[in-house]
Amino acid sequence: MASGDPGSSKFNSKTDSESHSAREAYRTAKDRNGVPRSQSPLEHPTKIVDGNNPDQFVTEYKHRNVYGESISIRKDNSIDYGDGSQKQGPHYNAGRTGEKFKQHHNYNVGNKK
């Protein structure tokens, strides 16, 4: 994508979001990465062992955006880093496939579950 492209500043940038549901967060991740909302994943979602919780899995969805780029959206579990300084609820990480995901799309924000 050319740097002069009007959408280039928002693709794979560090733009986090807060949503009330997983569905809303997934849609936001698609929007922020130029993936049409109506698009289904290109292949069956991949289950990957969670690096922070080895007895749990995360799910990765692969898409192609309007610029032809491969985009991955990964549904991550909640995590408590154990030192009392940081706790992260369930969220999606998103960005270009093969690159470090810079986006967090948090959900269940404001829900008491």
PDB file of N, CA and C in Angstrom:
ATOM      1  N   MET A   1       0.841  -1.166   0.000  1.00  0.00           N
ATOM      2  CA  MET A   1       0.000   0.000   0.000  1.00  0.00           C
ATOM      3  C   MET A   1       0.886   1.228   0.000  1.00  0.00           C
ATOM      4  N   ALA A   2       0.577   2.156  -0.820  1.00  0.00           N
ATOM      5  CA  ALA A   2       1.375   3.374  -0.919  1.00  0.00           C
ATOM      6  C   ALA A   2       1.138   4.266   0.291  1.00  0.00           C
ATOM      7  N   SER A   3       2.174   4.990   0.693  1.00  0.00           N
ATOM      8  CA  SER A   3       2.041   5.848   1.864  1.00  0.00           C
ATOM      9  C   SER A   3       1.056   6.991   1.621  1.00  0.00           C
ATOM     10  N   GLY A   4       0.789   7.332   0.364  1.00  0.00           N
ATOM     11  CA  GLY A   4      -0.160   8.384   0.065  1.00  0.00           C
ATOM     12  C   GLY A   4      -1.603   7.906   0.073  1.00  0.00           C
ATOM     13  N   ASP A   5      -1.803   6.634   0.235  1.00  0.00           N
ATOM     14  CA  ASP A   5      -3.138   6.059   0.259  1.00  0.00           C
ATOM     15  C   ASP A   5      -3.910   6.625   1.450  1.00  0.00           C
ATOM     16  N   PRO A   6      -5.148   7.091   1.250  1.00  0.00           N
ATOM     17  CA  PRO A   6      -5.892   7.702   2.343  1.00  0.00           C
ATOM     18  C   PRO A   6      -6.133   6.755   3.517  1.00  0.00           C
ATOM     19  N   GLY A   7      -6.155   5.452   3.295  1.00  0.00           N
ATOM     20  CA  GLY A   7      -6.405   4.515   4.387  1.00  0.00           C
ATOM     21  C   GLY A   7      -5.151   4.008   5.058  1.00  0.00           C
ATOM     22  N   SER A   8      -3.970   4.388   4.550  1.00  0.00           N
ATOM     23  CA  SER A   8      -2.734   3.784   5.035  1.00  0.00           C
ATOM     24  C   SER A   8      -2.440   4.084   6.497  1.00  0.00           C
ATOM     25  N   SER A   9      -2.890   5.202   7.020  1.00  0.00           N
ATOM     26  CA  SER A   9      -2.567   5.550   8.400  1.00  0.00           C
ATOM     27  C   SER A   9      -3.305   4.677   9.403  1.00  0.00           C
ATOM     28  N   LYS A  10      -4.413   4.073   9.012  1.00  0.00           N
ATOM     29  CA  LYS A  10      -5.146   3.279   9.992  1.00  0.00           C
ATOM     30  C   LYS A  10      -4.869   1.787   9.884  1.00  0.00           C
ATOM     31  N   PHE A  11      -4.283   1.308   8.796  1.00  0.00           N
ATOM     32  CA  PHE A  11      -4.025  -0.116   8.677  1.00  0.00           C
ATOM     33  C   PHE A  11      -2.794  -0.505   9.470  1.00  0.00           C
ATOM     34  N   ASN A  12      -2.949  -1.487  10.327  1.00  0.00           N
ATOM     35  CA  ASN A  12      -1.890  -2.035  11.169  1.00  0.00           C
ATOM     36  C   ASN A  12      -1.251  -0.984  12.073  1.00  0.00           C
ATOM     37  N   SER A  13      -1.991   0.066  12.376  1.00  0.00           N
ATOM     38  CA  SER A  13      -1.492   1.051  13.329  1.00  0.00           C
ATOM     39  C   SER A  13      -1.930   0.638  14.733  1.00  0.00           C
ATOM     40  N   LYS A  14      -1.360   1.253  15.735  1.00  0.00           N
ATOM     41  CA  LYS A  14      -1.707   0.923  17.118  1.00  0.00           C
ATOM     42  C   LYS A  14      -3.006   1.636  17.449  1.00  0.00           C
ATOM     43  N   THR A  15      -4.111   1.052  17.031  1.00  0.00           N
ATOM     44  CA  THR A  15      -5.416   1.636  17.294  1.00  0.00           C
ATOM     45  C   THR A  15      -6.252   0.611  18.036  1.00  0.00           C
ATOM     46  N   ASP A  16      -6.338   0.749  19.349  1.00  0.00           N
ATOM     47  CA  ASP A  16      -7.118  -0.170  20.163  1.00  0.00           C
ATOM     48  C   ASP A  16      -8.573   0.274  20.176  1.00  0.00           C
ATOM     49  N   SER A  17      -9.458  -0.654  20.526  1.00  0.00           N
ATOM     50  CA  SER A  17     -10.872  -0.320  20.610  1.00  0.00           C
ATOM     51  C   SER A  17     -11.490  -1.025  21.813  1.00  0.00           C
ATOM     52  N   GLU A  18     -12.623  -0.507  22.242  1.00  0.00           N
ATOM     53  CA  GLU A  18     -13.378  -1.068  23.363  1.00  0.00           C
ATOM     54  C   GLU A  18     -14.776  -1.391  22.852  1.00  0.00           C
ATOM     55  N   SER A  19     -15.237  -2.621  23.073  1.00  0.00           N
ATOM     56  CA  SER A  19     -16.550  -3.050  22.593  1.00  0.00           C
ATOM     57  C   SER A  19     -17.297  -3.783  23.700  1.00  0.00           C
ATOM     58  N   HIS A  20     -18.615  -3.845  23.558  1.00  0.00           N
ATOM     59  CA  HIS A  20     -19.438  -4.541  24.544  1.00  0.00           C
ATOM     60  C   HIS A  20     -19.543  -6.032  24.267  1.00  0.00           C
ATOM     61  N   SER A  21     -19.269  -6.448  23.032  1.00  0.00           N
ATOM     62  CA  SER A  21     -19.399  -7.872  22.698  1.00  0.00           C
ATOM     63  C   SER A  21     -18.256  -8.315  21.787  1.00  0.00           C
ATOM     64  N   ALA A  22     -18.040  -9.619  21.756  1.00  0.00           N
ATOM     65  CA  ALA A  22     -17.014 -10.186  20.870  1.00  0.00           C
ATOM     66  C   ALA A  22     -17.363  -9.891  19.412  1.00  0.00           C
ATOM     67  N   ARG A  23     -18.629  -9.972  19.076  1.00  0.00           N
ATOM     68  CA  ARG A  23     -19.063  -9.712  17.698  1.00  0.00           C
ATOM     69  C   ARG A  23     -18.720  -8.281  17.271  1.00  0.00           C
ATOM     70  N   GLU A  24     -19.004  -7.328  18.154  1.00  0.00           N
ATOM     71  CA  GLU A  24     -18.698  -5.926  17.856  1.00  0.00           C
ATOM     72  C   GLU A  24     -17.183  -5.722  17.714  1.00  0.00           C
ATOM     73  N   ALA A  25     -16.394  -6.350  18.581  1.00  0.00           N
ATOM     74  CA  ALA A  25     -14.931  -6.220  18.521  1.00  0.00           C
ATOM     75  C   ALA A  25     -14.379  -6.821  17.227  1.00  0.00           C
ATOM     76  N   TYR A  26     -14.924  -7.969  16.802  1.00  0.00           N
ATOM     77  CA  TYR A  26     -14.480  -8.614  15.559  1.00  0.00           C
ATOM     78  C   TYR A  26     -14.783  -7.717  14.358  1.00  0.00           C
ATOM     79  N   ARG A  27     -15.972  -7.125  14.350  1.00  0.00           N
ATOM     80  CA  ARG A  27     -16.345  -6.205  13.265  1.00  0.00           C
ATOM     81  C   ARG A  27     -15.419  -4.990  13.238  1.00  0.00           C
ATOM     82  N   THR A  28     -15.091  -4.468  14.407  1.00  0.00           N
ATOM     83  CA  THR A  28     -14.184  -3.320  14.480  1.00  0.00           C
ATOM     84  C   THR A  28     -12.804  -3.691  13.946  1.00  0.00           C
ATOM     85  N   ALA A  29     -12.319  -4.880  14.307  1.00  0.00           N
ATOM     86  CA  ALA A  29     -11.017  -5.344  13.802  1.00  0.00           C
ATOM     87  C   ALA A  29     -11.043  -5.435  12.275  1.00  0.00           C
ATOM     88  N   LYS A  30     -12.139  -5.943  11.718  1.00  0.00           N
ATOM     89  CA  LYS A  30     -12.269  -6.001  10.260  1.00  0.00           C
ATOM     90  C   LYS A  30     -12.244  -4.589   9.664  1.00  0.00           C
ATOM     91  N   ASP A  31     -13.050  -3.689  10.240  1.00  0.00           N
ATOM     92  CA  ASP A  31     -13.127  -2.311   9.742  1.00  0.00           C
ATOM     93  C   ASP A  31     -11.757  -1.641   9.748  1.00  0.00           C
ATOM     94  N   ARG A  32     -11.030  -1.776  10.837  1.00  0.00           N
ATOM     95  CA  ARG A  32      -9.738  -1.098  10.995  1.00  0.00           C
ATOM     96  C   ARG A  32      -8.659  -1.661  10.077  1.00  0.00           C
ATOM     97  N   ASN A  33      -8.921  -2.840   9.504  1.00  0.00           N
ATOM     98  CA  ASN A  33      -7.924  -3.468   8.634  1.00  0.00           C
ATOM     99  C   ASN A  33      -8.393  -3.606   7.191  1.00  0.00           C
ATOM    100  N   GLY A  34      -9.489  -2.923   6.844  1.00  0.00           N
ATOM    101  CA  GLY A  34      -9.945  -2.902   5.463  1.00  0.00           C
ATOM    102  C   GLY A  34     -10.555  -4.198   4.974  1.00  0.00           C
ATOM    103  N   VAL A  35     -11.070  -5.017   5.907  1.00  0.00           N
ATOM    104  CA  VAL A  35     -11.714  -6.282   5.544  1.00  0.00           C
ATOM    105  C   VAL A  35     -13.221  -6.038   5.510  1.00  0.00           C
ATOM    106  N   PRO A  36     -13.887  -6.332   4.396  1.00  0.00           N
ATOM    107  CA  PRO A  36     -15.335  -6.151   4.347  1.00  0.00           C
ATOM    108  C   PRO A  36     -16.024  -6.964   5.446  1.00  0.00           C
ATOM    109  N   ARG A  37     -16.998  -6.360   6.110  1.00  0.00           N
ATOM    110  CA  ARG A  37     -17.707  -7.062   7.192  1.00  0.00           C
ATOM    111  C   ARG A  37     -18.367  -8.348   6.711  1.00  0.00           C
ATOM    112  N   SER A  38     -18.806  -8.375   5.468  1.00  0.00           N
ATOM    113  CA  SER A  38     -19.514  -9.545   4.941  1.00  0.00           C
ATOM    114  C   SER A  38     -18.579 -10.708   4.617  1.00  0.00           C
ATOM    115  N   GLN A  39     -17.266 -10.469   4.622  1.00  0.00           N
ATOM    116  CA  GLN A  39     -16.314 -11.513   4.229  1.00  0.00           C
ATOM    117  C   GLN A  39     -16.143 -12.561   5.327  1.00  0.00           C
ATOM    118  N   SER A  40     -16.261 -13.827   4.932  1.00  0.00           N
ATOM    119  CA  SER A  40     -15.968 -14.944   5.835  1.00  0.00           C
ATOM    120  C   SER A  40     -14.466 -15.187   5.824  1.00  0.00           C
ATOM    121  N   PRO A  41     -13.929 -15.857   6.864  1.00  0.00           N
ATOM    122  CA  PRO A  41     -12.498 -16.191   6.836  1.00  0.00           C
ATOM    123  C   PRO A  41     -12.152 -16.984   5.579  1.00  0.00           C
ATOM    124  N   LEU A  42     -10.917 -16.820   5.089  1.00  0.00           N
ATOM    125  CA  LEU A  42     -10.474 -17.493   3.868  1.00  0.00           C
ATOM    126  C   LEU A  42     -10.362 -19.001   4.040  1.00  0.00           C
ATOM    127  N   GLU A  43     -10.118 -19.438   5.259  1.00  0.00           N
ATOM    128  CA  GLU A  43      -9.996 -20.867   5.555  1.00  0.00           C
ATOM    129  C   GLU A  43     -10.602 -21.114   6.924  1.00  0.00           C
ATOM    130  N   HIS A  44     -10.747 -22.387   7.269  1.00  0.00           N
ATOM    131  CA  HIS A  44     -11.291 -22.726   8.579  1.00  0.00           C
ATOM    132  C   HIS A  44     -10.418 -22.090   9.661  1.00  0.00           C
ATOM    133  N   PRO A  45     -11.020 -21.430  10.671  1.00  0.00           N
ATOM    134  CA  PRO A  45     -10.213 -20.800  11.719  1.00  0.00           C
ATOM    135  C   PRO A  45      -9.229 -21.787  12.354  1.00  0.00           C
ATOM    136  N   THR A  46      -8.032 -21.308  12.636  1.00  0.00           N
ATOM    137  CA  THR A  46      -6.964 -22.130  13.192  1.00  0.00           C
ATOM    138  C   THR A  46      -6.936 -22.002  14.706  1.00  0.00           C
ATOM    139  N   LYS A  47      -6.897 -23.142  15.400  1.00  0.00           N
ATOM    140  CA  LYS A  47      -6.739 -23.141  16.860  1.00  0.00           C
ATOM    141  C   LYS A  47      -5.254 -23.263  17.163  1.00  0.00           C
ATOM    142  N   ILE A  48      -4.751 -22.371  18.010  1.00  0.00           N
ATOM    143  CA  ILE A  48      -3.334 -22.308  18.361  1.00  0.00           C
ATOM    144  C   ILE A  48      -3.219 -22.373  19.882  1.00  0.00           C
ATOM    145  N   VAL A  49      -2.235 -23.103  20.392  1.00  0.00           N
ATOM    146  CA  VAL A  49      -2.014 -23.145  21.839  1.00  0.00           C
ATOM    147  C   VAL A  49      -1.705 -21.731  22.327  1.00  0.00           C
ATOM    148  N   ASP A  50      -2.380 -21.315  23.388  1.00  0.00           N
ATOM    149  CA  ASP A  50      -2.180 -19.986  23.977  1.00  0.00           C
ATOM    150  C   ASP A  50      -0.822 -19.950  24.674  1.00  0.00           C
ATOM    151  N   GLY A  51       0.056 -19.072  24.236  1.00  0.00           N
ATOM    152  CA  GLY A  51       1.398 -18.971  24.804  1.00  0.00           C
ATOM    153  C   GLY A  51       1.413 -18.576  26.272  1.00  0.00           C
ATOM    154  N   ASN A  52       0.350 -17.918  26.747  1.00  0.00           N
ATOM    155  CA  ASN A  52       0.267 -17.504  28.147  1.00  0.00           C
ATOM    156  C   ASN A  52      -0.459 -18.525  29.012  1.00  0.00           C
ATOM    157  N   ASN A  53      -1.301 -19.352  28.398  1.00  0.00           N
ATOM    158  CA  ASN A  53      -2.074 -20.384  29.095  1.00  0.00           C
ATOM    159  C   ASN A  53      -1.984 -21.666  28.279  1.00  0.00           C
ATOM    160  N   PRO A  54      -0.939 -22.486  28.471  1.00  0.00           N
ATOM    161  CA  PRO A  54      -0.700 -23.652  27.614  1.00  0.00           C
ATOM    162  C   PRO A  54      -1.835 -24.680  27.564  1.00  0.00           C
ATOM    163  N   ASP A  55      -2.753 -24.640  28.528  1.00  0.00           N
ATOM    164  CA  ASP A  55      -3.873 -25.579  28.502  1.00  0.00           C
ATOM    165  C   ASP A  55      -5.107 -24.977  27.828  1.00  0.00           C
ATOM    166  N   GLN A  56      -4.952 -23.804  27.192  1.00  0.00           N
ATOM    167  CA  GLN A  56      -6.037 -23.160  26.464  1.00  0.00           C
ATOM    168  C   GLN A  56      -5.593 -22.872  25.029  1.00  0.00           C
ATOM    169  N   PHE A  57      -6.572 -22.556  24.192  1.00  0.00           N
ATOM    170  CA  PHE A  57      -6.295 -22.245  22.791  1.00  0.00           C
ATOM    171  C   PHE A  57      -6.787 -20.848  22.445  1.00  0.00           C
ATOM    172  N   VAL A  58      -6.168 -20.240  21.442  1.00  0.00           N
ATOM    173  CA  VAL A  58      -6.657 -19.015  20.823  1.00  0.00           C
ATOM    174  C   VAL A  58      -7.073 -19.387  19.400  1.00  0.00           C
ATOM    175  N   THR A  59      -7.902 -18.573  18.788  1.00  0.00           N
ATOM    176  CA  THR A  59      -8.391 -18.861  17.441  1.00  0.00           C
ATOM    177  C   THR A  59      -7.963 -17.742  16.504  1.00  0.00           C
ATOM    178  N   GLU A  60      -7.395 -18.118  15.348  1.00  0.00           N
ATOM    179  CA  GLU A  60      -6.948 -17.126  14.371  1.00  0.00           C
ATOM    180  C   GLU A  60      -7.781 -17.231  13.097  1.00  0.00           C
ATOM    181  N   TYR A  61      -8.278 -16.080  12.652  1.00  0.00           N
ATOM    182  CA  TYR A  61      -9.081 -15.970  11.436  1.00  0.00           C
ATOM    183  C   TYR A  61      -8.257 -15.222  10.397  1.00  0.00           C
ATOM    184  N   LYS A  62      -8.165 -15.773   9.188  1.00  0.00           N
ATOM    185  CA  LYS A  62      -7.383 -15.125   8.121  1.00  0.00           C
ATOM    186  C   LYS A  62      -8.321 -14.551   7.064  1.00  0.00           C
ATOM    187  N   HIS A  63      -8.034 -13.314   6.675  1.00  0.00           N
ATOM    188  CA  HIS A  63      -8.832 -12.585   5.691  1.00  0.00           C
ATOM    189  C   HIS A  63      -7.908 -11.927   4.677  1.00  0.00           C
ATOM    190  N   ARG A  64      -8.505 -11.401   3.610  1.00  0.00           N
ATOM    191  CA  ARG A  64      -7.784 -10.575   2.646  1.00  0.00           C
ATOM    192  C   ARG A  64      -8.529  -9.241   2.603  1.00  0.00           C
ATOM    193  N   ASN A  65      -7.786  -8.138   2.782  1.00  0.00           N
ATOM    194  CA  ASN A  65      -8.446  -6.834   2.796  1.00  0.00           C
ATOM    195  C   ASN A  65      -8.623  -6.281   1.382  1.00  0.00           C
ATOM    196  N   VAL A  66      -9.207  -5.091   1.301  1.00  0.00           N
ATOM    197  CA  VAL A  66      -9.511  -4.480   0.003  1.00  0.00           C
ATOM    198  C   VAL A  66      -8.258  -4.108  -0.783  1.00  0.00           C
ATOM    199  N   TYR A  67      -7.089  -4.129  -0.145  1.00  0.00           N
ATOM    200  CA  TYR A  67      -5.819  -3.847  -0.811  1.00  0.00           C
ATOM    201  C   TYR A  67      -5.079  -5.120  -1.191  1.00  0.00           C
ATOM    202  N   GLY A  68      -5.709  -6.279  -0.956  1.00  0.00           N
ATOM    203  CA  GLY A  68      -5.087  -7.555  -1.302  1.00  0.00           C
ATOM    204  C   GLY A  68      -4.121  -8.078  -0.255  1.00  0.00           C
ATOM    205  N   GLU A  69      -4.049  -7.417   0.909  1.00  0.00           N
ATOM    206  CA  GLU A  69      -3.144  -7.850   1.973  1.00  0.00           C
ATOM    207  C   GLU A  69      -3.777  -8.965   2.800  1.00  0.00           C
ATOM    208  N   SER A  70      -2.953  -9.882   3.269  1.00  0.00           N
ATOM    209  CA  SER A  70      -3.405 -10.939   4.164  1.00  0.00           C
ATOM    210  C   SER A  70      -3.486 -10.368   5.578  1.00  0.00           C
ATOM    211  N   ILE A  71      -4.651 -10.485   6.195  1.00  0.00           N
ATOM    212  CA  ILE A  71      -4.912  -9.946   7.532  1.00  0.00           C
ATOM    213  C   ILE A  71      -5.296 -11.094   8.456  1.00  0.00           C
ATOM    214  N   SER A  72      -4.720 -11.109   9.646  1.00  0.00           N
ATOM    215  CA  SER A  72      -5.073 -12.101  10.662  1.00  0.00           C
ATOM    216  C   SER A  72      -5.749 -11.394  11.826  1.00  0.00           C
ATOM    217  N   ILE A  73      -6.814 -12.018  12.321  1.00  0.00           N
ATOM    218  CA  ILE A  73      -7.519 -11.530  13.502  1.00  0.00           C
ATOM    219  C   ILE A  73      -7.550 -12.703  14.475  1.00  0.00           C
ATOM    220  N   ARG A  74      -6.901 -12.524  15.628  1.00  0.00           N
ATOM    221  CA  ARG A  74      -6.759 -13.621  16.590  1.00  0.00           C
ATOM    222  C   ARG A  74      -7.565 -13.318  17.845  1.00  0.00           C
ATOM    223  N   LYS A  75      -8.427 -14.269  18.229  1.00  0.00           N
ATOM    224  CA  LYS A  75      -9.237 -14.134  19.440  1.00  0.00           C
ATOM    225  C   LYS A  75      -8.440 -14.681  20.616  1.00  0.00           C
ATOM    226  N   ASP A  76      -8.048 -13.788  21.527  1.00  0.00           N
ATOM    227  CA  ASP A  76      -7.231 -14.156  22.683  1.00  0.00           C
ATOM    228  C   ASP A  76      -8.071 -14.261  23.951  1.00  0.00           C
ATOM    229  N   ASN A  77      -7.598 -15.092  24.864  1.00  0.00           N
ATOM    230  CA  ASN A  77      -8.246 -15.283  26.160  1.00  0.00           C
ATOM    231  C   ASN A  77      -7.861 -14.156  27.116  1.00  0.00           C
ATOM    232  N   SER A  78      -8.594 -14.077  28.225  1.00  0.00           N
ATOM    233  CA  SER A  78      -8.212 -13.169  29.307  1.00  0.00           C
ATOM    234  C   SER A  78      -6.880 -13.615  29.874  1.00  0.00           C
ATOM    235  N   ILE A  79      -6.140 -12.664  30.421  1.00  0.00           N
ATOM    236  CA  ILE A  79      -4.861 -13.008  31.058  1.00  0.00           C
ATOM    237  C   ILE A  79      -4.622 -12.093  32.252  1.00  0.00           C
ATOM    238  N   ASP A  80      -4.106 -12.702  33.307  1.00  0.00           N
ATOM    239  CA  ASP A  80      -3.667 -11.965  34.490  1.00  0.00           C
ATOM    240  C   ASP A  80      -2.177 -12.230  34.601  1.00  0.00           C
ATOM    241  N   TYR A  81      -1.380 -11.196  34.496  1.00  0.00           N
ATOM    242  CA  TYR A  81       0.067 -11.368  34.481  1.00  0.00           C
ATOM    243  C   TYR A  81       0.646 -11.731  35.844  1.00  0.00           C
ATOM    244  N   GLY A  82      -0.204 -11.789  36.878  1.00  0.00           N
ATOM    245  CA  GLY A  82       0.198 -12.333  38.165  1.00  0.00           C
ATOM    246  C   GLY A  82       0.969 -11.413  39.082  1.00  0.00           C
ATOM    247  N   ASP A  83       1.457 -10.305  38.578  1.00  0.00           N
ATOM    248  CA  ASP A  83       2.224  -9.408  39.446  1.00  0.00           C
ATOM    249  C   ASP A  83       1.359  -8.271  39.985  1.00  0.00           C
ATOM    250  N   GLY A  84       0.066  -8.320  39.685  1.00  0.00           N
ATOM    251  CA  GLY A  84      -0.856  -7.308  40.174  1.00  0.00           C
ATOM    252  C   GLY A  84      -0.852  -6.014  39.381  1.00  0.00           C
ATOM    253  N   SER A  85       0.060  -5.888  38.436  1.00  0.00           N
ATOM    254  CA  SER A  85       0.165  -4.632  37.697  1.00  0.00           C
ATOM    255  C   SER A  85      -0.700  -4.599  36.445  1.00  0.00           C
ATOM    256  N   GLN A  86      -1.011  -5.772  35.898  1.00  0.00           N
ATOM    257  CA  GLN A  86      -1.722  -5.763  34.628  1.00  0.00           C
ATOM    258  C   GLN A  86      -2.629  -6.972  34.505  1.00  0.00           C
ATOM    259  N   LYS A  87      -3.846  -6.715  34.060  1.00  0.00           N
ATOM    260  CA  LYS A  87      -4.816  -7.762  33.773  1.00  0.00           C
ATOM    261  C   LYS A  87      -5.472  -7.374  32.460  1.00  0.00           C
ATOM    262  N   GLN A  88      -5.629  -8.326  31.568  1.00  0.00           N
ATOM    263  CA  GLN A  88      -6.233  -8.020  30.277  1.00  0.00           C
ATOM    264  C   GLN A  88      -7.402  -8.963  30.051  1.00  0.00           C
ATOM    265  N   GLY A  89      -8.543  -8.394  29.715  1.00  0.00           N
ATOM    266  CA  GLY A  89      -9.725  -9.190  29.451  1.00  0.00           C
ATOM    267  C   GLY A  89      -9.666  -9.815  28.067  1.00  0.00           C
ATOM    268  N   PRO A  90     -10.735 -10.511  27.681  1.00  0.00           N
ATOM    269  CA  PRO A  90     -10.763 -11.132  26.359  1.00  0.00           C
ATOM    270  C   PRO A  90     -10.689 -10.059  25.273  1.00  0.00           C
ATOM    271  N   HIS A  91     -10.031 -10.395  24.167  1.00  0.00           N
ATOM    272  CA  HIS A  91      -9.829  -9.404  23.111  1.00  0.00           C
ATOM    273  C   HIS A  91      -9.417 -10.086  21.814  1.00  0.00           C
ATOM    274  N   TYR A  92      -9.471  -9.318  20.742  1.00  0.00           N
ATOM    275  CA  TYR A  92      -8.922  -9.735  19.452  1.00  0.00           C
ATOM    276  C   TYR A  92      -7.650  -8.934  19.213  1.00  0.00           C
ATOM    277  N   ASN A  93      -6.613  -9.583  18.715  1.00  0.00           N
ATOM    278  CA  ASN A  93      -5.422  -8.911  18.196  1.00  0.00           C
ATOM    279  C   ASN A  93      -5.553  -8.962  16.682  1.00  0.00           C
ATOM    280  N   ALA A  94      -5.121  -7.913  16.005  1.00  0.00           N
ATOM    281  CA  ALA A  94      -5.282  -7.888  14.553  1.00  0.00           C
ATOM    282  C   ALA A  94      -4.141  -7.152  13.879  1.00  0.00           C
ATOM    283  N   GLY A  95      -3.914  -7.516  12.623  1.00  0.00           N
ATOM    284  CA  GLY A  95      -2.909  -6.852  11.806  1.00  0.00           C
ATOM    285  C   GLY A  95      -2.549  -7.703  10.602  1.00  0.00           C
ATOM    286  N   ARG A  96      -1.529  -7.273   9.890  1.00  0.00           N
ATOM    287  CA  ARG A  96      -1.082  -8.018   8.716  1.00  0.00           C
ATOM    288  C   ARG A  96      -0.519  -9.365   9.151  1.00  0.00           C
ATOM    289  N   THR A  97      -0.867 -10.400   8.414  1.00  0.00           N
ATOM    290  CA  THR A  97      -0.378 -11.742   8.693  1.00  0.00           C
ATOM    291  C   THR A  97       1.145 -11.757   8.632  1.00  0.00           C
ATOM    292  N   GLY A  98       1.754 -12.376   9.636  1.00  0.00           N
ATOM    293  CA  GLY A  98       3.205 -12.491   9.680  1.00  0.00           C
ATOM    294  C   GLY A  98       3.909 -11.338  10.369  1.00  0.00           C
ATOM    295  N   GLU A  99       3.175 -10.281  10.706  1.00  0.00           N
ATOM    296  CA  GLU A  99       3.754  -9.145  11.422  1.00  0.00           C
ATOM    297  C   GLU A  99       3.248  -9.150  12.859  1.00  0.00           C
ATOM    298  N   LYS A 100       3.920  -8.401  13.717  1.00  0.00           N
ATOM    299  CA  LYS A 100       3.467  -8.262  15.098  1.00  0.00           C
ATOM    300  C   LYS A 100       2.137  -7.517  15.089  1.00  0.00           C
ATOM    301  N   PHE A 101       1.161  -8.068  15.806  1.00  0.00           N
ATOM    302  CA  PHE A 101      -0.147  -7.424  15.880  1.00  0.00           C
ATOM    303  C   PHE A 101      -0.065  -6.232  16.823  1.00  0.00           C
ATOM    304  N   LYS A 102      -0.411  -5.063  16.310  1.00  0.00           N
ATOM    305  CA  LYS A 102      -0.325  -3.840  17.102  1.00  0.00           C
ATOM    306  C   LYS A 102      -1.680  -3.421  17.664  1.00  0.00           C
ATOM    307  N   GLN A 103      -2.737  -4.083  17.230  1.00  0.00           N
ATOM    308  CA  GLN A 103      -4.080  -3.673  17.636  1.00  0.00           C
ATOM    309  C   GLN A 103      -4.663  -4.641  18.661  1.00  0.00           C
ATOM    310  N   HIS A 104      -5.344  -4.071  19.669  1.00  0.00           N
ATOM    311  CA  HIS A 104      -6.126  -4.847  20.625  1.00  0.00           C
ATOM    312  C   HIS A 104      -7.564  -4.353  20.522  1.00  0.00           C
ATOM    313  N   HIS A 105      -8.469  -5.270  20.299  1.00  0.00           N
ATOM    314  CA  HIS A 105      -9.892  -4.937  20.236  1.00  0.00           C
ATOM    315  C   HIS A 105     -10.556  -5.665  21.401  1.00  0.00           C
ATOM    316  N   ASN A 106     -10.677  -4.942  22.520  1.00  0.00           N
ATOM    317  CA  ASN A 106     -11.198  -5.507  23.765  1.00  0.00           C
ATOM    318  C   ASN A 106     -12.712  -5.610  23.712  1.00  0.00           C
ATOM    319  N   TYR A 107     -13.249  -6.627  24.396  1.00  0.00           N
ATOM    320  CA  TYR A 107     -14.706  -6.744  24.482  1.00  0.00           C
ATOM    321  C   TYR A 107     -15.138  -7.152  25.876  1.00  0.00           C
ATOM    322  N   ASN A 108     -16.461  -7.174  26.068  1.00  0.00           N
ATOM    323  CA  ASN A 108     -17.095  -7.330  27.378  1.00  0.00           C
ATOM    324  C   ASN A 108     -16.784  -6.117  28.250  1.00  0.00           C
ATOM    325  N   VAL A 109     -16.509  -4.988  27.619  1.00  0.00           N
ATOM    326  CA  VAL A 109     -16.217  -3.756  28.340  1.00  0.00           C
ATOM    327  C   VAL A 109     -17.502  -3.272  28.999  1.00  0.00           C
ATOM    328  N   GLY A 110     -17.455  -3.111  30.297  1.00  0.00           N
ATOM    329  CA  GLY A 110     -18.624  -2.650  31.039  1.00  0.00           C
ATOM    330  C   GLY A 110     -19.559  -3.764  31.456  1.00  0.00           C
ATOM    331  N   ASN A 111     -19.360  -4.974  30.948  1.00  0.00           N
ATOM    332  CA  ASN A 111     -20.185  -6.109  31.350  1.00  0.00           C
ATOM    333  C   ASN A 111     -19.598  -6.725  32.605  1.00  0.00           C
ATOM    334  N   LYS A 112     -20.440  -7.069  33.541  1.00  0.00           N
ATOM    335  CA  LYS A 112     -19.958  -7.695  34.779  1.00  0.00           C
ATOM    336  C   LYS A 112     -20.174  -9.186  34.676  1.00  0.00           C
ATOM    337  N   LYS A 113     -19.160  -9.876  34.178  1.00  0.00           N
ATOM    338  CA  LYS A 113     -19.235 -11.333  34.011  1.00  0.00           C
ATOM    339  C   LYS A 113     -18.070 -11.967  34.704  1.00  0.00           C
TER     340      LYS A 113
END
